[in-house]
C-alpha atoms as a PDB file:
ATOM      1  CA  MET A   1      -4.790   9.327   2.461  1.00  0.00           C
ATOM      2  CA  ALA A   2      -5.973   9.555   6.082  1.00  0.00           C
ATOM      3  CA  LYS A   3      -9.530  10.686   6.735  1.00  0.00           C
ATOM      4  CA  LYS A   4      -9.661  14.013   8.560  1.00  0.00           C
ATOM      5  CA  ILE A   5     -12.081  14.383  11.472  1.00  0.00           C
ATOM      6  CA  LEU A   6     -12.995  17.541  13.364  1.00  0.00           C
ATOM      7  CA  ILE A   7     -13.965  16.974  17.015  1.00  0.00           C
ATOM      8  CA  VAL A   8     -15.971  19.806  18.574  1.00  0.00           C
ATOM      9  CA  ASP A   9     -16.502  19.625  22.345  1.00  0.00           C
ATOM     10  CA  ASP A  10     -15.852  22.026  25.214  1.00  0.00           C
ATOM     11  CA  GLU A  11     -14.658  19.253  27.531  1.00  0.00           C
ATOM     12  CA  PRO A  12     -10.881  18.850  27.039  1.00  0.00           C
ATOM     13  CA  ALA A  13     -10.902  15.346  28.541  1.00  0.00           C
ATOM     14  CA  ILE A  14     -13.396  14.128  25.930  1.00  0.00           C
ATOM     15  CA  VAL A  15     -11.460  15.752  23.092  1.00  0.00           C
ATOM     16  CA  LYS A  16      -8.193  14.300  24.354  1.00  0.00           C
ATOM     17  CA  GLY A  17      -9.630  10.786  24.747  1.00  0.00           C
ATOM     18  CA  LEU A  18     -11.363  10.794  21.365  1.00  0.00           C
ATOM     19  CA  SER A  19      -8.321  12.215  19.603  1.00  0.00           C
ATOM     20  CA  PHE A  20      -5.995   9.603  21.072  1.00  0.00           C
ATOM     21  CA  SER A  21      -8.320   6.716  20.236  1.00  0.00           C
ATOM     22  CA  LEU A  22      -9.133   7.842  16.684  1.00  0.00           C
ATOM     23  CA  LYS A  23      -5.495   8.601  15.877  1.00  0.00           C
ATOM     24  CA  GLN A  24      -4.743   4.976  16.744  1.00  0.00           C
ATOM     25  CA  ASP A  25      -7.123   4.015  13.914  1.00  0.00           C
ATOM     26  CA  GLY A  26      -5.186   6.173  11.461  1.00  0.00           C
ATOM     27  CA  TYR A  27      -7.445   9.220  11.357  1.00  0.00           C
ATOM     28  CA  GLU A  28      -6.106  12.770  11.218  1.00  0.00           C
ATOM     29  CA  ILE A  29      -7.704  14.763  14.025  1.00  0.00           C
ATOM     30  CA  ASP A  30      -8.440  18.452  14.490  1.00  0.00           C
ATOM     31  CA  ALA A  31     -10.283  19.947  17.476  1.00  0.00           C
ATOM     32  CA  ALA A  32     -12.388  22.949  18.419  1.00  0.00           C
ATOM     33  CA  TYR A  33     -13.686  23.836  21.878  1.00  0.00           C
ATOM     34  CA  ASP A  34     -16.558  26.216  21.112  1.00  0.00           C
ATOM     35  CA  GLY A  35     -18.987  26.886  18.311  1.00  0.00           C
ATOM     36  CA  GLU A  36     -17.221  29.907  16.847  1.00  0.00           C
ATOM     37  CA  GLU A  37     -13.888  28.087  16.695  1.00  0.00           C
ATOM     38  CA  ALA A  38     -15.649  25.143  15.024  1.00  0.00           C
ATOM     39  CA  ILE A  39     -17.000  27.406  12.264  1.00  0.00           C
ATOM     40  CA  GLU A  40     -13.593  29.017  11.769  1.00  0.00           C
ATOM     41  CA  LYS A  41     -11.903  25.640  11.373  1.00  0.00           C
ATOM     42  CA  PHE A  42     -14.670  24.300   9.129  1.00  0.00           C
ATOM     43  CA  ASN A  43     -14.337  27.323   6.845  1.00  0.00           C
ATOM     44  CA  SER A  44     -10.554  26.922   6.661  1.00  0.00           C
ATOM     45  CA  ASN A  45     -10.116  23.146   6.309  1.00  0.00           C
ATOM     46  CA  PRO A  46     -11.695  20.218   4.440  1.00  0.00           C
ATOM     47  CA  TYR A  47     -13.043  17.495   6.739  1.00  0.00           C
ATOM     48  CA  ASP A  48     -14.363  14.014   6.015  1.00  0.00           C
ATOM     49  CA  LEU A  49     -16.424  13.883   9.225  1.00  0.00           C
ATOM     50  CA  ILE A  50     -17.398  16.181  12.085  1.00  0.00           C
ATOM     51  CA  ILE A  51     -18.130  14.959  15.613  1.00  0.00           C
ATOM     52  CA  LEU A  52     -20.140  17.775  17.164  1.00  0.00           C
ATOM     53  CA  ASP A  53     -21.362  18.275  20.735  1.00  0.00           C
ATOM     54  CA  VAL A  54     -24.784  19.888  21.121  1.00  0.00           C
ATOM     55  CA  MET A  55     -23.900  21.925  24.211  1.00  0.00           C
ATOM     56  CA  LEU A  56     -21.143  24.386  23.275  1.00  0.00           C
ATOM     57  CA  PRO A  57     -20.185  27.907  24.417  1.00  0.00           C
ATOM     58  CA  LYS A  58     -20.486  30.953  22.124  1.00  0.00           C
ATOM     59  CA  LEU A  59     -22.550  29.061  19.509  1.00  0.00           C
ATOM     60  CA  ASN A  60     -24.291  25.795  20.329  1.00  0.00           C
ATOM     61  CA  GLY A  61     -23.918  22.632  18.270  1.00  0.00           C
ATOM     62  CA  LEU A  62     -27.222  23.014  16.460  1.00  0.00           C
ATOM     63  CA  GLY A  63     -26.256  26.515  15.387  1.00  0.00           C
ATOM     64  CA  VAL A  64     -22.927  25.181  14.158  1.00  0.00           C
ATOM     65  CA  LEU A  65     -24.682  22.397  12.257  1.00  0.00           C
ATOM     66  CA  GLN A  66     -27.015  24.861  10.550  1.00  0.00           C
ATOM     67  CA  ARG A  67     -24.026  26.918   9.384  1.00  0.00           C
ATOM     68  CA  ILE A  68     -22.281  23.787   8.112  1.00  0.00           C
ATOM     69  CA  ARG A  69     -25.361  22.643   6.185  1.00  0.00           C
ATOM     70  CA  GLU A  70     -25.525  25.974   4.376  1.00  0.00           C
ATOM     71  CA  ARG A  71     -22.300  24.996   2.601  1.00  0.00           C
ATOM     72  CA  SER A  72     -21.685  21.292   2.926  1.00  0.00           C
ATOM     73  CA  ARG A  73     -23.136  17.798   3.252  1.00  0.00           C
ATOM     74  CA  VAL A  74     -20.136  16.546   5.221  1.00  0.00           C
ATOM     75  CA  PRO A  75     -21.303  13.769   7.577  1.00  0.00           C
ATOM     76  CA  VAL A  76     -21.961  14.972  11.130  1.00  0.00           C
ATOM     77  CA  ILE A  77     -22.323  12.813  14.243  1.00  0.00           C
ATOM     78  CA  MET A  78     -23.837  14.679  17.195  1.00  0.00           C
ATOM     79  CA  LEU A  79     -22.842  14.113  20.814  1.00  0.00           C
ATOM     80  CA  THR A  80     -25.971  14.680  22.876  1.00  0.00           C
ATOM     81  CA  ALA A  81     -27.061  14.718  26.492  1.00  0.00           C
ATOM     82  CA  LYS A  82     -29.681  12.184  27.496  1.00  0.00           C
ATOM     83  CA  GLY A  83     -33.157  13.463  26.748  1.00  0.00           C
ATOM     84  CA  GLU A  84     -32.229  15.820  23.901  1.00  0.00           C
ATOM     85  CA  ASP A  85     -34.961  16.358  21.307  1.00  0.00           C
ATOM     86  CA  MET A  86     -33.791  13.975  18.584  1.00  0.00           C
ATOM     87  CA  ASP A  87     -36.518  15.094  16.196  1.00  0.00           C
ATOM     88  CA  LYS A  88     -34.808  18.487  16.050  1.00  0.00           C
ATOM     89  CA  ILE A  89     -31.282  17.151  15.902  1.00  0.00           C
ATOM     90  CA  LEU A  90     -32.054  14.703  13.088  1.00  0.00           C
ATOM     91  CA  GLY A  91     -34.605  16.935  11.437  1.00  0.00           C
ATOM     92  CA  LEU A  92     -35.015  19.205   8.489  1.00  0.00           C
ATOM     93  CA  ASP A  93     -33.768  22.285  10.316  1.00  0.00           C
ATOM     94  CA  TYR A  94     -30.460  20.722  11.272  1.00  0.00           C
ATOM     95  CA  GLY A  95     -29.693  17.563   9.291  1.00  0.00           C
ATOM     96  CA  ALA A  96     -27.375  15.511  11.498  1.00  0.00           C
ATOM     97  CA  ASP A  97     -26.493  12.087  10.106  1.00  0.00           C
ATOM     98  CA  ASP A  98     -26.280  10.257  13.411  1.00  0.00           C
ATOM     99  CA  TYR A  99     -26.054  10.835  17.135  1.00  0.00           C
ATOM    100  CA  ILE A 100     -24.629   9.161  20.201  1.00  0.00           C
ATOM    101  CA  THR A 101     -25.664   9.893  23.774  1.00  0.00           C
ATOM    102  CA  LYS A 102     -23.165  10.822  26.482  1.00  0.00           C
ATOM    103  CA  PRO A 103     -21.632   8.990  28.237  1.00  0.00           C
ATOM    104  CA  PHE A 104     -20.811   6.791  25.243  1.00  0.00           C
ATOM    105  CA  ASN A 105     -18.692   3.761  24.463  1.00  0.00           C
ATOM    106  CA  ILE A 106     -15.751   4.768  22.269  1.00  0.00           C
ATOM    107  CA  LEU A 107     -15.903   1.398  20.488  1.00  0.00           C
ATOM    108  CA  GLU A 108     -19.505   2.060  19.451  1.00  0.00           C
ATOM    109  CA  LEU A 109     -18.606   5.506  18.133  1.00  0.00           C
ATOM    110  CA  LYS A 110     -15.655   4.100  16.200  1.00  0.00           C
ATOM    111  CA  ALA A 111     -17.874   1.406  14.689  1.00  0.00           C
ATOM    112  CA  ARG A 112     -20.335   4.038  13.502  1.00  0.00           C
ATOM    113  CA  ILE A 113     -17.558   6.121  11.972  1.00  0.00           C
ATOM    114  CA  LYS A 114     -16.138   3.137  10.084  1.00  0.00           C
ATOM    115  CA  ALA A 115     -19.580   2.108   8.854  1.00  0.00           C
ATOM    116  CA  LEU A 116     -20.295   5.630   7.634  1.00  0.00           C
ATOM    117  CA  PHE A 117     -17.047   5.815   5.679  1.00  0.00           C
ATOM    118  CA  ARG A 118     -17.692   2.357   4.152  1.00  0.00           C
ATOM    119  CA  ARG A 119     -21.118   3.425   2.937  1.00  0.00           C
ATOM    120  CA  LEU A 120     -19.846   6.636   1.406  1.00  0.00           C
ATOM    121  CA  SER A 121     -16.964   4.842  -0.294  1.00  0.00           C
ATOM    122  CA  SER A 122     -19.074   2.057  -1.792  1.00  0.00           C
ATOM    123  CA  SER A 123     -21.877   4.307  -3.003  1.00  0.00           C
ATOM    124  CA  GLY A 124     -19.457   6.796  -4.527  1.00  0.00           C
ATOM    125  CA  SER A 125     -17.999   4.141  -6.833  1.00  0.00           C
ATOM    126  CA  LYS A 126     -21.277   3.416  -8.597  1.00  0.00           C
ATOM    127  CA  GLU A 127     -22.327   5.050 -11.821  1.00  0.00           C
ATOM    128  CA  GLU A 128     -26.045   4.725 -11.994  1.00  0.00           C
ATOM    129  CA  VAL A 129     -29.026   7.027 -12.186  1.00  0.00           C
ATOM    130  CA  ILE A 130     -32.442   5.890 -10.983  1.00  0.00           C
ATOM    131  CA  ASN A 131     -35.463   7.662 -12.471  1.00  0.00           C
ATOM    132  CA  PHE A 132     -38.901   7.152 -10.970  1.00  0.00           C
ATOM    133  CA  LYS A 133     -41.828   9.464 -11.658  1.00  0.00           C
ATOM    134  CA  ASN A 134     -40.482  13.004 -11.142  1.00  0.00           C
ATOM    135  CA  MET A 135     -37.461  11.886  -9.101  1.00  0.00           C
ATOM    136  CA  GLU A 136     -33.890  11.363 -10.311  1.00  0.00           C
ATOM    137  CA  ILE A 137     -31.389   9.694  -7.963  1.00  0.00           C
ATOM    138  CA  ASN A 138     -27.733   9.890  -8.995  1.00  0.00           C
ATOM    139  CA  LEU A 139     -25.833   7.207  -7.076  1.00  0.00           C
ATOM    140  CA  ALA A 140     -22.435   8.403  -8.313  1.00  0.00           C
ATOM    141  CA  ASN A 141     -22.575  11.899  -6.858  1.00  0.00           C
ATOM    142  CA  ARG A 142     -25.266  11.119  -4.243  1.00  0.00           C
ATOM    143  CA  SER A 143     -27.673  13.766  -5.472  1.00  0.00           C
ATOM    144  CA  VAL A 144     -31.453  13.808  -5.803  1.00  0.00           C
ATOM    145  CA  LEU A 145     -33.577  15.909  -8.131  1.00  0.00           C
ATOM    146  CA  ILE A 146     -37.345  16.258  -7.954  1.00  0.00           C
ATOM    147  CA  ASP A 147     -38.959  18.134 -10.838  1.00  0.00           C
ATOM    148  CA  GLY A 148     -35.413  19.137 -11.776  1.00  0.00           C
ATOM    149  CA  LYS A 149     -34.751  20.807  -8.412  1.00  0.00           C
ATOM    150  CA  ASP A 150     -32.016  19.677  -6.041  1.00  0.00           C
ATOM    151  CA  VAL A 151     -33.149  18.025  -2.795  1.00  0.00           C
ATOM    152  CA  ASN A 152     -30.695  18.471   0.059  1.00  0.00           C
ATOM    153  CA  LEU A 153     -30.469  15.123   1.884  1.00  0.00           C
ATOM    154  CA  THR A 154     -28.204  14.166   4.748  1.00  0.00           C
ATOM    155  CA  ALA A 155     -25.905  11.164   4.275  1.00  0.00           C
ATOM    156  CA  LYS A 156     -28.235   8.862   6.213  1.00  0.00           C
ATOM    157  CA  GLU A 157     -31.309  10.066   4.332  1.00  0.00           C
ATOM    158  CA  PHE A 158     -29.602   9.381   1.014  1.00  0.00           C
ATOM    159  CA  ASP A 159     -28.488   5.923   2.195  1.00  0.00           C
ATOM    160  CA  LEU A 160     -32.075   5.063   3.100  1.00  0.00           C
ATOM    161  CA  LEU A 161     -33.450   6.390  -0.194  1.00  0.00           C
ATOM    162  CA  GLN A 162     -30.803   4.510  -2.177  1.00  0.00           C
ATOM    163  CA  LEU A 163     -31.617   1.244  -0.395  1.00  0.00           C
ATOM    164  CA  PHE A 164     -35.342   1.658  -0.980  1.00  0.00           C
ATOM    165  CA  ALA A 165     -35.067   2.805  -4.595  1.00  0.00           C
ATOM    166  CA  THR A 166     -32.699  -0.004  -5.592  1.00  0.00           C
ATOM    167  CA  ASN A 167     -35.044  -2.569  -4.025  1.00  0.00           C
ATOM    168  CA  PRO A 168     -38.556  -1.383  -4.963  1.00  0.00           C
ATOM    169  CA  GLY A 169     -41.397  -3.252  -3.308  1.00  0.00           C
ATOM    170  CA  LYS A 170     -39.177  -4.893  -0.691  1.00  0.00           C
ATOM    171  CA  VAL A 171     -40.306  -4.283   2.879  1.00  0.00           C
ATOM    172  CA  TYR A 172     -37.653  -3.468   5.488  1.00  0.00           C
ATOM    173  CA  SER A 173     -38.276  -3.539   9.217  1.00  0.00           C
ATOM    174  CA  ARG A 174     -36.681  -0.915  11.428  1.00  0.00           C
ATOM    175  CA  GLU A 175     -34.259  -3.570  12.665  1.00  0.00           C
ATOM    176  CA  ASN A 176     -33.370  -4.429   9.038  1.00  0.00           C
ATOM    177  CA  LEU A 177     -32.705  -0.773   8.273  1.00  0.00           C
ATOM    178  CA  LEU A 178     -30.473  -0.316  11.302  1.00  0.00           C
ATOM    179  CA  GLU A 179     -28.471  -3.379  10.327  1.00  0.00           C
ATOM    180  CA  ILE A 180     -28.150  -2.487   6.629  1.00  0.00           C
ATOM    181  CA  VAL A 181     -27.896   1.311   6.653  1.00  0.00           C
ATOM    182  CA  TRP A 182     -26.263   1.949  10.019  1.00  0.00           C
ATOM    183  CA  LYS A 183     -24.199  -1.286   9.805  1.00  0.00           C
ATOM    184  CA  TYR A 184     -23.699  -1.767  13.500  1.00  0.00           C
ATOM    185  CA  ASP A 185     -25.536  -3.386  16.396  1.00  0.00           C
ATOM    186  CA  TYR A 186     -27.697  -0.503  17.492  1.00  0.00           C
ATOM    187  CA  LEU A 187     -28.419  -0.676  21.210  1.00  0.00           C
ATOM    188  CA  GLY A 188     -30.473   2.489  21.452  1.00  0.00           C
ATOM    189  CA  ASP A 189     -33.907   3.684  20.442  1.00  0.00           C
ATOM    190  CA  LEU A 190     -35.382   2.357  17.192  1.00  0.00           C
ATOM    191  CA  ARG A 191     -37.134   5.714  16.931  1.00  0.00           C
ATOM    192  CA  THR A 192     -34.132   7.083  15.043  1.00  0.00           C
ATOM    193  CA  VAL A 193     -35.315   5.112  11.982  1.00  0.00           C
ATOM    194  CA  ASP A 194     -38.804   6.601  12.176  1.00  0.00           C
ATOM    195  CA  VAL A 195     -37.335  10.101  12.528  1.00  0.00           C
ATOM    196  CA  HIS A 196     -35.143   9.645   9.439  1.00  0.00           C
ATOM    197  CA  ILE A 197     -38.022   8.195   7.397  1.00  0.00           C
ATOM    198  CA  ARG A 198     -40.335  11.028   8.384  1.00  0.00           C
ATOM    199  CA  ARG A 199     -37.787  13.695   7.528  1.00  0.00           C
ATOM    200  CA  LEU A 200     -36.944  11.994   4.237  1.00  0.00           C
ATOM    201  CA  ARG A 201     -40.637  11.926   3.323  1.00  0.00           C
ATOM    202  CA  GLU A 202     -40.977  15.606   4.160  1.00  0.00           C
ATOM    203  CA  LYS A 203     -38.212  16.352   1.658  1.00  0.00           C
ATOM    204  CA  ILE A 204     -39.277  14.116  -1.240  1.00  0.00           C
ATOM    205  CA  GLU A 205     -43.060  13.708  -0.947  1.00  0.00           C
ATOM    206  CA  LYS A 206     -45.520  16.380  -2.050  1.00  0.00           C
ATOM    207  CA  ASN A 207     -47.848  15.163   0.699  1.00  0.00           C
ATOM    208  CA  PRO A 208     -46.064  13.023   3.317  1.00  0.00           C
ATOM    209  CA  SER A 209     -49.394  11.705   4.601  1.00  0.00           C
ATOM    210  CA  GLN A 210     -50.154  10.349   1.097  1.00  0.00           C
ATOM    211  CA  PRO A 211     -46.730   9.220  -0.125  1.00  0.00           C
ATOM    212  CA  GLU A 212     -45.782   8.426  -3.707  1.00  0.00           C
ATOM    213  CA  PHE A 213     -42.377   6.929  -2.966  1.00  0.00           C
ATOM    214  CA  ILE A 214     -41.885   5.505   0.535  1.00  0.00           C
ATOM    215  CA  PHE A 215     -44.783   3.554   2.016  1.00  0.00           C
ATOM    216  CA  THR A 216     -45.464   2.009   5.415  1.00  0.00           C
ATOM    217  CA  LYS A 217     -46.539  -1.611   5.787  1.00  0.00           C
ATOM    218  CA  TRP A 218     -48.190  -1.371   9.174  1.00  0.00           C
ATOM    219  CA  GLY A 219     -46.704  -3.599  11.811  1.00  0.00           C
ATOM    220  CA  VAL A 220     -43.863  -4.641   9.478  1.00  0.00           C
ATOM    221  CA  GLY A 221     -41.777  -1.748   8.127  1.00  0.00           C
ATOM    222  CA  TYR A 222     -41.199   0.489   5.111  1.00  0.00           C
ATOM    223  CA  TYR A 223     -40.859   0.000   1.356  1.00  0.00           C
ATOM    224  CA  PHE A 224     -40.394   1.933  -1.886  1.00  0.00           C
ATOM    225  CA  ALA A 225     -43.072   2.052  -4.564  1.00  0.00           C
ATOM    226  CA  ASP A 226     -42.819  -0.951  -6.843  1.00  0.00           C
ATOM    227  CA  LYS A 227     -42.044   0.163 -10.400  1.00  0.00           C
END
């Protein structure tokens, strides 16, 4: 069954170009041209992925993303203008899974989409629960409980946590994490890794400055507590 993608952008030329290119890869495409239309379509249809521009009329992309996250963990890739505040876009208040800066290379975007679907498919087939201290990670349904309470992670945050928790004590550099978790040659700012790690810590650590789960090896990278 074809994956269904919602493209949200107020520039018809971008929507037309993306739709044509992604349809060639076998995806089913739907489109919205402002924030209110995006919410209407999201509420009426199931989507496997949403490509969402930040700058939209009626309701901007971050407002749309907040509304989506109230109901769903569907993966969201943001289209951003150069210089956007990525801490906000990737952060706790919004929860985007990835972003790409305009103007972008369609081949890079398509590679990210394929990598995201591969990760979700492979992780969903596992039946394993990892318990460590007060945390329970269910790899089958991609859920996390801390002290029995659900922790709402984005797809990328869960991918990072899964990698760390299944390889305790192993140190990963930012370059390693981009290669393994993002699964494409990332030509942009390595800061996206630091942003994701910080936001993940804020969700799972009682005190992010004194972590129990994800540690920093200064000058090298990050690792999960060794059981």
